Amino acid sequence: DFVGLEQGASVIRAVEPYTIPGLLQTPSYTIANVGNDVTPRTERQIRRIADLRVRRQAVLAAKEPAEFDAVIDESVLHRVVGDAKVMAAQLDHLAVMNKRPNINIRVFPFERGSHPAMVGSYRILAFEDLAPILYLEHRSGAAYHDDAATVEEHLLAFGDLAAKALPAERSAAIVEEMAATYRERVRKLSDTS
C-alpha cells in the first residue's frame, strides 16, 4: 500500500498544484479540505483521515528521515482551505517544516505561467535498494507506475519544474509572507467581533 511504500522511501519528490502536500498538512487543514469534498463522510471518517496523515508524517521526522522535495503552485498559498485561522496555522507549520534540512519546498509562481508538469498531484518515491515508483492521484483513487520510462519522464518533468520554481529562500519568504497575511486577517476578524 502507499503508506508502506512512503514510509520506506529515502527520497520523496512531490508536485502539488492544488493543496499543501499531505505530509506537511496540519490536522485542521486536512479536516477542512476533506470535509469540503463531495464524497459524504462522517466526522469520525474525516478525523481518521487526518490522523493517518499525521502518522504518515513520521517519515520526515525519523532517525534517518526521508528527503522531501516538493514544488507547489503559488495558488496553493492563496486558496483558502477552512478559514484564515486554518490557513495561518497551516502556512506557519509549512514555514517551520521547510527549515528542516531534509525538507525543500519550492513555489512555482504565478508570473511563470503554466507548466506541463503541473497537470495533477504526483509523487516519485525513491528507495535505497528498489527502483523508484511513481504515484499518481486521481478522483477515484491512485495509480502506481514502476515502468522505468514513465518514472524517468516524471523525474525529468519534476526537475524542469523545480528549476523554474522560485529558489528555496524566496519560496520560504513567500510562505512566511502569506502566513503573516492570514494572521492579520484573523486579527482583524477578532477585532471586529
Protein backbone atom coordinates (compact mmCIF):
# COMPACT_ATOMS: atom_id res chain seq x y z
CA ASP A 1 0.00 0.00 0.00
CA PHE A 2 1.03 3.63 -0.46
CA VAL A 3 1.66 4.36 3.23
CA GLY A 4 4.05 1.41 3.50
CA LEU A 5 5.90 2.47 0.35
CA GLU A 6 6.08 6.05 1.56
CA GLN A 7 7.48 5.01 4.94
CA GLY A 8 10.22 3.01 3.20
CA ALA A 9 11.24 5.77 0.79
CA SER A 10 14.57 7.56 1.14
CA VAL A 11 13.54 10.42 -1.18
CA ILE A 12 10.04 11.70 -1.92
CA ARG A 13 9.50 14.21 -4.71
CA ALA A 14 6.05 15.78 -4.85
CA VAL A 15 4.20 18.06 -7.24
CA GLU A 16 1.12 19.72 -5.73
CA PRO A 17 -0.81 22.17 -7.91
CA TYR A 18 -3.93 22.30 -5.69
CA THR A 19 -3.23 21.71 -1.98
CA ILE A 20 -0.48 21.60 0.60
CA PRO A 21 1.32 18.23 0.32
CA GLY A 22 -0.29 15.68 2.67
CA LEU A 23 2.98 15.07 4.52
CA LEU A 24 3.02 18.75 5.51
CA GLN A 25 -0.66 19.29 6.33
CA THR A 26 -1.89 20.26 9.77
CA PRO A 27 -4.86 18.27 11.10
CA SER A 28 -7.17 21.32 10.84
CA TYR A 29 -6.20 21.87 7.18
CA THR A 30 -6.80 18.19 6.37
CA ILE A 31 -10.15 18.20 8.17
CA ALA A 32 -11.28 21.35 6.35
CA ASN A 33 -10.11 20.04 2.99
CA VAL A 34 -11.54 16.52 3.31
CA GLY A 35 -14.72 17.84 4.93
CA ASN A 36 -15.32 20.04 1.89
CA ASP A 37 -15.20 17.10 -0.53
CA VAL A 38 -18.31 15.98 -2.41
CA THR A 39 -17.84 12.45 -1.07
CA PRO A 40 -20.05 12.18 2.03
CA ARG A 41 -18.04 11.32 5.14
CA THR A 42 -18.84 11.28 8.83
CA GLU A 43 -16.83 13.42 11.23
CA ARG A 44 -15.25 10.22 12.50
CA GLN A 45 -14.12 9.22 8.99
CA ILE A 46 -12.69 12.69 8.40
CA ARG A 47 -10.83 12.58 11.73
CA ARG A 48 -9.37 9.14 10.83
CA ILE A 49 -8.07 10.54 7.52
CA ALA A 50 -6.48 13.46 9.38
CA ASP A 51 -4.95 11.11 11.98
CA LEU A 52 -3.48 8.93 9.23
CA ARG A 53 -1.89 11.99 7.60
CA VAL A 54 -0.28 12.90 10.91
CA ARG A 55 1.07 9.34 11.34
CA ARG A 56 2.43 9.38 7.78
CA GLN A 57 4.48 12.47 8.66
CA ALA A 58 6.76 10.28 10.80
CA VAL A 59 8.77 9.51 7.64
CA LEU A 60 10.01 13.12 7.75
CA ALA A 61 10.98 13.03 11.43
CA ALA A 62 12.51 9.55 11.71
CA LYS A 63 16.05 8.97 12.95
CA GLU A 64 17.06 8.79 9.27
CA PRO A 65 14.28 10.87 7.71
CA ALA A 66 13.30 10.78 4.08
CA GLU A 67 14.35 13.70 1.94
CA PHE A 68 11.19 15.55 0.88
CA ASP A 69 11.41 17.77 -2.17
CA ALA A 70 8.17 19.46 -3.22
CA VAL A 71 7.03 22.01 -5.76
CA ILE A 72 3.72 23.67 -5.00
CA ASP A 73 1.84 26.10 -7.18
CA GLU A 74 1.57 29.60 -5.73
CA SER A 75 -2.22 29.30 -5.85
CA VAL A 76 -1.99 26.74 -3.04
CA LEU A 77 -0.90 29.54 -0.69
CA HIS A 78 -3.81 31.78 -1.72
CA ARG A 79 -6.58 29.15 -1.84
CA VAL A 80 -8.38 29.33 1.48
CA VAL A 81 -9.00 25.90 2.96
CA GLY A 82 -11.19 26.24 6.04
CA ASP A 83 -10.71 29.84 7.03
CA ALA A 84 -7.96 32.39 7.67
CA LYS A 85 -7.14 30.81 11.05
CA VAL A 86 -6.66 27.37 9.48
CA MET A 87 -4.52 28.87 6.71
CA ALA A 88 -2.38 30.91 9.12
CA ALA A 89 -1.63 27.80 11.20
CA GLN A 90 -1.00 25.71 8.07
CA LEU A 91 1.42 28.18 6.50
CA ASP A 92 3.20 28.74 9.82
CA HIS A 93 3.63 24.96 10.02
CA LEU A 94 4.84 24.83 6.42
CA ALA A 95 7.42 27.54 7.18
CA VAL A 96 8.69 25.61 10.22
CA MET A 97 8.87 22.31 8.34
CA ASN A 98 10.71 23.97 5.46
CA LYS A 99 13.55 24.84 7.86
CA ARG A 100 14.33 21.16 8.40
CA PRO A 101 17.42 20.03 6.49
CA ASN A 102 15.56 17.16 4.81
CA ILE A 103 12.67 19.28 3.51
CA ASN A 104 12.78 21.54 0.48
CA ILE A 105 9.60 23.33 -0.61
CA ARG A 106 9.65 25.48 -3.71
CA VAL A 107 6.86 27.68 -5.01
CA PHE A 108 6.04 27.84 -8.71
CA PRO A 109 4.99 31.50 -9.07
CA PHE A 110 2.04 32.92 -10.99
CA GLU A 111 4.29 35.00 -13.23
CA ARG A 112 5.93 31.90 -14.69
CA GLY A 113 2.63 30.91 -16.32
CA SER A 114 1.73 27.28 -16.73
CA HIS A 115 3.97 24.25 -16.78
CA PRO A 116 3.19 20.81 -18.23
CA ALA A 117 4.33 19.09 -15.02
CA MET A 118 1.51 20.79 -13.06
CA VAL A 119 -1.32 18.70 -14.54
CA GLY A 120 -2.11 17.00 -11.25
CA SER A 121 -0.64 15.75 -8.00
CA TYR A 122 2.04 13.12 -8.12
CA ARG A 123 4.89 11.72 -6.09
CA ILE A 124 8.04 9.91 -7.04
CA LEU A 125 9.27 7.62 -4.29
CA ALA A 126 12.94 6.63 -4.40
CA PHE A 127 14.37 3.78 -2.33
CA GLU A 128 17.83 2.64 -1.29
CA ASP A 129 17.52 -0.80 -2.89
CA LEU A 130 14.43 -0.70 -5.13
CA ALA A 131 13.55 1.02 -8.39
CA PRO A 132 11.63 4.28 -7.94
CA ILE A 133 7.84 4.30 -8.07
CA LEU A 134 5.53 6.97 -9.47
CA TYR A 135 2.30 7.56 -7.56
CA LEU A 136 -0.46 9.45 -9.37
CA GLU A 137 -3.58 10.56 -7.55
CA HIS A 138 -6.96 10.90 -9.22
CA ARG A 139 -10.56 11.45 -8.17
CA SER A 140 -11.41 7.81 -7.55
CA GLY A 141 -8.06 6.57 -6.23
CA ALA A 142 -4.49 6.34 -7.36
CA ALA A 143 -2.21 4.58 -9.79
CA TYR A 144 1.29 3.24 -9.27
CA HIS A 145 3.87 3.04 -12.03
CA ASP A 146 7.26 1.36 -11.84
CA ASP A 147 7.93 1.36 -15.58
CA ALA A 148 11.38 2.97 -15.91
CA ALA A 149 10.41 5.15 -18.89
CA THR A 150 7.28 6.53 -17.18
CA VAL A 151 9.14 7.23 -13.93
CA GLU A 152 12.00 8.87 -15.83
CA GLU A 153 9.58 11.09 -17.77
CA HIS A 154 8.10 12.35 -14.49
CA LEU A 155 11.55 12.78 -12.93
CA LEU A 156 12.58 14.95 -15.89
CA ALA A 157 9.35 16.96 -15.66
CA PHE A 158 9.85 17.40 -11.91
CA GLY A 159 13.44 18.54 -12.43
CA ASP A 160 12.40 21.10 -15.04
CA LEU A 161 9.55 22.35 -12.85
CA ALA A 162 11.83 22.61 -9.79
CA ALA A 163 14.43 24.52 -11.84
CA LYS A 164 11.77 27.02 -12.94
CA ALA A 165 10.25 27.41 -9.47
CA LEU A 166 11.47 30.08 -7.10
CA PRO A 167 14.68 29.31 -5.20
CA ALA A 168 14.26 27.83 -1.73
CA GLU A 169 14.96 31.12 0.09
CA ARG A 170 12.42 33.12 -1.95
CA SER A 171 9.88 30.31 -1.66
CA ALA A 172 10.29 30.31 2.14
CA ALA A 173 9.82 34.08 2.20
CA ILE A 174 6.58 33.86 0.20
CA VAL A 175 5.22 31.19 2.54
CA GLU A 176 6.06 33.36 5.56
CA GLU A 177 4.54 36.47 3.91
CA MET A 178 1.30 34.63 3.19
CA ALA A 179 1.21 33.24 6.74
CA ALA A 180 1.52 36.83 8.04
CA THR A 181 -1.30 37.91 5.71
CA TYR A 182 -3.60 35.22 7.13
CA ARG A 183 -2.59 36.07 10.71
CA GLU A 184 -3.52 39.70 10.00
CA ARG A 185 -6.91 38.61 8.65
CA VAL A 186 -7.51 36.61 11.83
CA ARG A 187 -6.51 39.61 13.95
CA LYS A 188 -8.89 41.93 12.05
CA LEU A 189 -11.73 39.44 12.40
CA SER A 190 -11.17 39.14 16.14
CA ASP A 191 -11.02 42.96 16.46
CA THR A 192 -14.46 43.30 14.84
CA SER A 193 -16.12 40.62 16.98
